[in-house]
């Protein structure tokens, strides 16, 4: 049986920028369902017109999700076929629709997800950061205290961390990452993925901040922040002599200078020593 004629809720990903990224299956689904539940009707209408698709659209957003979900469930019970789409990318990921899906499962209504674009995964694949393990944290909190509390809680997260961020807060958020996580942590800023002005740039946090401040166009549009995971300290590589040298220098010199000099004297990896120093500092030992 052709699945397009099955009564079900279809979760349909749409392009995050380049309209050519839509799949044949997504187009066929949007053509054959009875109703398209869209986060933004005007935005989705542009997509449908581009592919010459005419269908019935209804609004489902964060403001009307409860009421509209109840209505859509009734339509599904009648045997209707409904597609759920967001403004861009895979629905539900930071978008409305979860209430509708929960109701569908409660009433044993079939839910059929289609694979497709997702800004977080697309950016991660091109980041150059080891990403076999990662955690997606959605949008960073808009309020500074909440944002700093979250970032601090992720300070020793060993998995790659992915955030979405607004152009209006990106500078503040990078500053908070420097203060709450690590000024030397490697960060990748992926902007306008799949669009004309796409850019992917990676460097340690302080250099990323400097790079962004040099040109405001570097943080225009939709942004994904990817943060390298915390690397656990390999204490075996730090000998007693190394630690003694570092402690002695630290009494008279800055942290940065002490790390550089100790690493040169003992010919060790400065990042390993720097992580040791940061950890000890947080433990109030040095």
Protein backbone atom coordinates (compact mmCIF):
# COMPACT_ATOMS: atom_id res chain seq x y z
CA UNK A 1 0.00 0.00 0.00
CA UNK A 2 1.26 3.51 -0.81
CA UNK A 3 1.91 5.20 2.54
CA UNK A 4 0.60 8.54 1.26
CA UNK A 5 -2.92 7.11 1.44
CA UNK A 6 -2.62 5.95 5.03
CA UNK A 7 -4.37 8.06 7.66
CA UNK A 8 -1.49 9.30 9.82
CA UNK A 9 0.45 12.30 11.08
CA UNK A 10 3.50 12.82 8.85
CA UNK A 11 6.46 14.71 10.33
CA UNK A 12 7.95 16.42 7.28
CA UNK A 13 11.36 18.17 7.42
CA UNK A 14 11.79 21.15 5.09
CA UNK A 15 14.97 22.86 3.85
CA UNK A 16 16.94 24.99 6.31
CA UNK A 17 18.02 27.30 3.51
CA UNK A 18 18.61 25.81 0.09
CA UNK A 19 15.22 24.70 -1.27
CA UNK A 20 16.92 22.02 -3.39
CA UNK A 21 17.55 20.06 -0.19
CA UNK A 22 13.94 18.94 0.08
CA UNK A 23 13.43 15.23 -0.59
CA UNK A 24 11.16 13.65 -3.20
CA UNK A 25 9.34 11.89 -0.38
CA UNK A 26 8.70 15.16 1.44
CA UNK A 27 7.26 16.73 -1.73
CA UNK A 28 5.01 13.74 -2.40
CA UNK A 29 3.78 13.81 1.19
CA UNK A 30 2.96 17.53 1.07
CA UNK A 31 1.03 16.96 -2.16
CA UNK A 32 -0.99 13.99 -0.92
CA UNK A 33 -2.01 14.81 2.63
CA UNK A 34 -5.36 16.46 3.38
CA UNK A 35 -4.00 19.11 5.74
CA UNK A 36 -0.61 20.73 6.35
CA UNK A 37 -0.13 22.01 9.91
CA UNK A 38 2.45 24.78 9.65
CA UNK A 39 4.31 26.82 12.25
CA UNK A 40 4.09 29.84 9.94
CA UNK A 41 1.58 29.79 7.08
CA UNK A 42 3.23 32.62 5.14
CA UNK A 43 6.64 30.94 5.33
CA UNK A 44 5.31 27.53 4.27
CA UNK A 45 3.26 29.05 1.45
CA UNK A 46 6.49 30.31 -0.13
CA UNK A 47 7.87 26.75 -0.08
CA UNK A 48 4.70 25.23 -1.54
CA UNK A 49 4.49 27.81 -4.32
CA UNK A 50 8.10 27.13 -5.28
CA UNK A 51 7.22 23.49 -5.91
CA UNK A 52 3.74 24.18 -7.32
CA UNK A 53 1.95 22.46 -4.46
CA UNK A 54 -1.57 23.49 -3.50
CA UNK A 55 -2.97 22.22 -0.22
CA UNK A 56 -4.97 23.24 2.83
CA UNK A 57 -2.81 24.97 5.47
CA UNK A 58 -3.67 25.54 9.12
CA UNK A 59 -1.60 27.30 11.75
CA UNK A 60 -0.02 25.34 14.59
CA UNK A 61 2.35 27.39 16.72
CA UNK A 62 3.36 27.72 20.36
CA UNK A 63 0.40 30.00 21.10
CA UNK A 64 -2.36 27.73 19.82
CA UNK A 65 -0.73 24.31 20.07
CA UNK A 66 -3.04 22.90 22.76
CA UNK A 67 -6.28 23.89 21.05
CA UNK A 68 -5.11 23.11 17.53
CA UNK A 69 -3.71 19.71 18.52
CA UNK A 70 -7.12 18.65 19.85
CA UNK A 71 -8.72 19.71 16.56
CA UNK A 72 -6.14 17.89 14.44
CA UNK A 73 -6.52 14.69 16.44
CA UNK A 74 -10.24 14.75 15.66
CA UNK A 75 -9.44 15.12 11.96
CA UNK A 76 -7.01 12.21 12.15
CA UNK A 77 -9.67 10.08 13.85
CA UNK A 78 -11.90 10.75 10.84
CA UNK A 79 -9.23 9.23 8.60
CA UNK A 80 -7.53 12.41 7.45
CA UNK A 81 -3.84 12.54 6.51
CA UNK A 82 -1.93 15.44 8.08
CA UNK A 83 1.61 16.73 7.56
CA UNK A 84 3.40 18.68 10.29
CA UNK A 85 6.03 21.21 9.16
CA UNK A 86 8.08 23.87 10.93
CA UNK A 87 9.61 27.03 9.48
CA UNK A 88 12.73 25.10 8.50
CA UNK A 89 14.43 21.82 9.27
CA UNK A 90 13.03 18.86 11.17
CA UNK A 91 9.84 19.65 13.15
CA UNK A 92 9.75 19.39 16.95
CA UNK A 93 13.45 20.29 17.37
CA UNK A 94 12.93 23.66 19.10
CA UNK A 95 9.60 23.95 17.30
CA UNK A 96 5.93 23.30 18.22
CA UNK A 97 4.31 19.92 17.61
CA UNK A 98 5.26 17.75 20.57
CA UNK A 99 1.78 18.09 22.15
CA UNK A 100 0.15 16.92 18.92
CA UNK A 101 2.47 13.93 18.68
CA UNK A 102 1.83 12.94 22.31
CA UNK A 103 -1.92 13.05 21.67
CA UNK A 104 -1.48 10.90 18.58
CA UNK A 105 0.38 8.26 20.55
CA UNK A 106 -2.25 8.40 23.30
CA UNK A 107 -5.05 7.72 20.80
CA UNK A 108 -2.98 5.12 18.88
CA UNK A 109 -2.85 7.31 15.78
CA UNK A 110 0.03 6.41 13.50
CA UNK A 111 2.94 8.88 13.40
CA UNK A 112 5.29 8.64 10.40
CA UNK A 113 8.56 10.61 10.57
CA UNK A 114 10.44 11.52 7.39
CA UNK A 115 14.23 12.06 7.48
CA UNK A 116 15.60 15.39 6.41
CA UNK A 117 17.54 18.58 7.19
CA UNK A 118 18.56 19.62 10.70
CA UNK A 119 20.82 22.65 11.25
CA UNK A 120 22.52 21.18 14.33
CA UNK A 121 23.54 17.92 12.63
CA UNK A 122 24.46 19.60 9.34
CA UNK A 123 26.74 22.06 11.16
CA UNK A 124 28.24 19.31 13.32
CA UNK A 125 29.17 17.23 10.28
CA UNK A 126 31.36 20.07 8.96
CA UNK A 127 32.76 21.30 12.28
CA UNK A 128 35.95 19.26 12.31
CA UNK A 129 35.29 18.40 15.96
CA UNK A 130 35.24 14.74 17.00
CA UNK A 131 31.52 14.13 17.19
CA UNK A 132 30.73 10.48 17.78
CA UNK A 133 29.24 11.67 21.09
CA UNK A 134 27.41 14.96 21.40
CA UNK A 135 24.62 16.70 23.30
CA UNK A 136 22.14 19.14 21.81
CA UNK A 137 21.09 21.92 24.19
CA UNK A 138 18.82 23.98 21.93
CA UNK A 139 18.83 27.77 22.27
CA UNK A 140 20.94 29.28 25.03
CA UNK A 141 18.81 31.06 27.68
CA UNK A 142 18.24 34.75 26.92
CA UNK A 143 18.81 35.83 30.53
CA UNK A 144 22.45 36.09 31.53
CA UNK A 145 22.19 34.30 34.90
CA UNK A 146 20.32 31.32 33.44
CA UNK A 147 22.76 31.20 30.53
CA UNK A 148 25.81 31.31 32.79
CA UNK A 149 24.37 28.66 35.12
CA UNK A 150 23.77 26.33 32.18
CA UNK A 151 27.21 26.90 30.70
CA UNK A 152 28.92 26.32 34.06
CA UNK A 153 27.01 23.04 34.47
CA UNK A 154 28.48 21.94 31.12
CA UNK A 155 32.05 22.93 31.96
CA UNK A 156 33.22 19.31 32.26
CA UNK A 157 30.84 17.80 29.70
CA UNK A 158 33.04 15.46 27.66
CA UNK A 159 30.67 15.26 24.71
CA UNK A 160 30.61 17.84 21.93
CA UNK A 161 28.02 20.51 22.85
CA UNK A 162 25.65 22.09 20.32
CA UNK A 163 23.66 25.30 20.82
CA UNK A 164 21.52 27.53 18.66
CA UNK A 165 21.95 31.26 19.20
CA UNK A 166 20.54 34.56 17.99
CA UNK A 167 22.62 37.21 16.26
CA UNK A 168 21.46 39.61 18.99
CA UNK A 169 23.11 37.63 21.81
CA UNK A 170 26.01 35.81 20.16
CA UNK A 171 28.71 38.19 21.44
CA UNK A 172 27.43 38.00 25.02
CA UNK A 173 27.08 34.23 24.81
CA UNK A 174 30.67 33.72 23.61
CA UNK A 175 31.88 35.97 26.43
CA UNK A 176 29.92 33.81 28.88
CA UNK A 177 31.39 30.63 27.36
CA UNK A 178 34.86 32.08 27.94
CA UNK A 179 34.06 32.92 31.56
CA UNK A 180 32.05 29.84 32.50
CA UNK A 181 33.68 27.07 30.45
CA UNK A 182 37.18 27.84 29.19
CA UNK A 183 38.81 30.66 27.22
CA UNK A 184 40.89 28.08 25.34
CA UNK A 185 38.06 25.68 24.47
CA UNK A 186 37.71 25.14 20.71
CA UNK A 187 34.49 26.57 19.30
CA UNK A 188 32.96 26.44 15.82
CA UNK A 189 30.50 29.07 14.62
CA UNK A 190 28.35 27.77 11.75
CA UNK A 191 26.19 30.49 10.21
CA UNK A 192 23.47 30.42 7.56
CA UNK A 193 24.00 26.72 6.84
CA UNK A 194 23.09 25.74 3.23
CA UNK A 195 22.34 29.38 2.35
CA UNK A 196 24.23 31.79 0.09
CA UNK A 197 26.22 33.37 2.93
CA UNK A 198 27.07 30.11 4.69
CA UNK A 199 30.24 30.23 6.80
CA UNK A 200 31.92 27.81 9.19
CA UNK A 201 34.74 29.10 11.37
CA UNK A 202 36.52 27.45 14.27
CA UNK A 203 39.11 28.61 16.82
CA UNK A 204 39.62 28.81 20.56
CA UNK A 205 36.95 30.82 22.38
CA UNK A 206 38.92 34.06 22.81
CA UNK A 207 39.88 34.13 19.14
CA UNK A 208 36.29 33.42 18.09
CA UNK A 209 35.13 36.41 20.12
CA UNK A 210 37.76 38.63 18.51
CA UNK A 211 36.87 37.31 15.05
CA UNK A 212 33.18 38.05 15.54
CA UNK A 213 33.81 41.57 16.81
CA UNK A 214 35.91 42.40 13.75
CA UNK A 215 32.93 42.16 11.38
CA UNK A 216 29.25 42.23 12.30
CA UNK A 217 28.38 40.28 9.15
CA UNK A 218 30.11 37.28 10.68
CA UNK A 219 27.17 36.83 13.03
CA UNK A 220 24.23 37.80 10.83
CA UNK A 221 21.54 35.19 10.28
CA UNK A 222 20.94 31.84 11.97
CA UNK A 223 23.81 30.55 14.09
CA UNK A 224 24.90 27.17 15.46
CA UNK A 225 27.56 27.10 18.19
CA UNK A 226 29.57 23.89 18.52
CA UNK A 227 31.84 23.51 21.55
CA UNK A 228 34.51 20.85 21.83
CA UNK A 229 33.97 18.56 24.80
CA UNK A 230 36.02 18.69 27.98
CA UNK A 231 39.17 16.61 27.77
CA UNK A 232 39.74 14.71 30.98
CA UNK A 233 43.07 15.37 32.60
CA UNK A 234 45.69 12.70 32.06
CA UNK A 235 47.52 13.10 35.36
CA UNK A 236 50.08 10.42 34.53
CA UNK A 237 51.63 12.75 31.96
CA UNK A 238 52.29 15.39 34.63
CA UNK A 239 55.29 14.33 36.68
CA UNK A 240 56.02 15.48 40.20
CA UNK A 241 58.88 17.66 38.88
CA UNK A 242 56.53 19.28 36.38
CA UNK A 243 53.99 20.13 39.07
CA UNK A 244 56.70 21.45 41.39
CA UNK A 245 58.02 23.73 38.65
CA UNK A 246 54.56 24.98 37.83
CA UNK A 247 53.69 25.67 41.49
CA UNK A 248 56.93 27.60 42.01
CA UNK A 249 56.42 29.75 38.90
CA UNK A 250 52.77 30.34 39.75
CA UNK A 251 53.78 32.13 42.95
CA UNK A 252 55.40 34.91 40.92
CA UNK A 253 53.88 34.77 37.42
CA UNK A 254 50.49 34.76 35.75
CA UNK A 255 48.71 31.51 35.01
CA UNK A 256 49.34 31.79 31.28
CA UNK A 257 53.05 32.54 31.67
CA UNK A 258 53.50 29.79 34.26
CA UNK A 259 51.89 27.24 31.95
CA UNK A 260 53.99 28.31 28.95
CA UNK A 261 57.28 28.28 30.85
CA UNK A 262 56.60 24.95 32.56
CA UNK A 263 55.60 23.30 29.28
CA UNK A 264 58.82 24.52 27.64
CA UNK A 265 61.05 23.48 30.54
CA UNK A 266 59.62 19.95 30.72
CA UNK A 267 58.63 19.65 27.04
CA UNK A 268 55.02 18.73 27.73
CA UNK A 269 51.66 19.60 26.18
CA UNK A 270 50.66 23.04 27.49
CA UNK A 271 46.94 22.28 27.10
CA UNK A 272 47.22 19.35 29.46
CA UNK A 273 48.92 21.52 32.06
CA UNK A 274 46.47 24.35 31.51
CA UNK A 275 43.53 22.00 32.17
CA UNK A 276 45.24 20.84 35.33
CA UNK A 277 45.65 24.46 36.44
CA UNK A 278 42.03 25.37 35.71
CA UNK A 279 40.75 22.32 37.58
CA UNK A 280 42.92 23.08 40.59
CA UNK A 281 41.86 26.69 40.50
CA UNK A 282 38.20 25.70 40.58
CA UNK A 283 39.00 23.44 43.51
CA UNK A 284 40.68 26.46 45.20
CA UNK A 285 44.02 24.68 45.46
CA UNK A 286 46.05 27.26 43.54
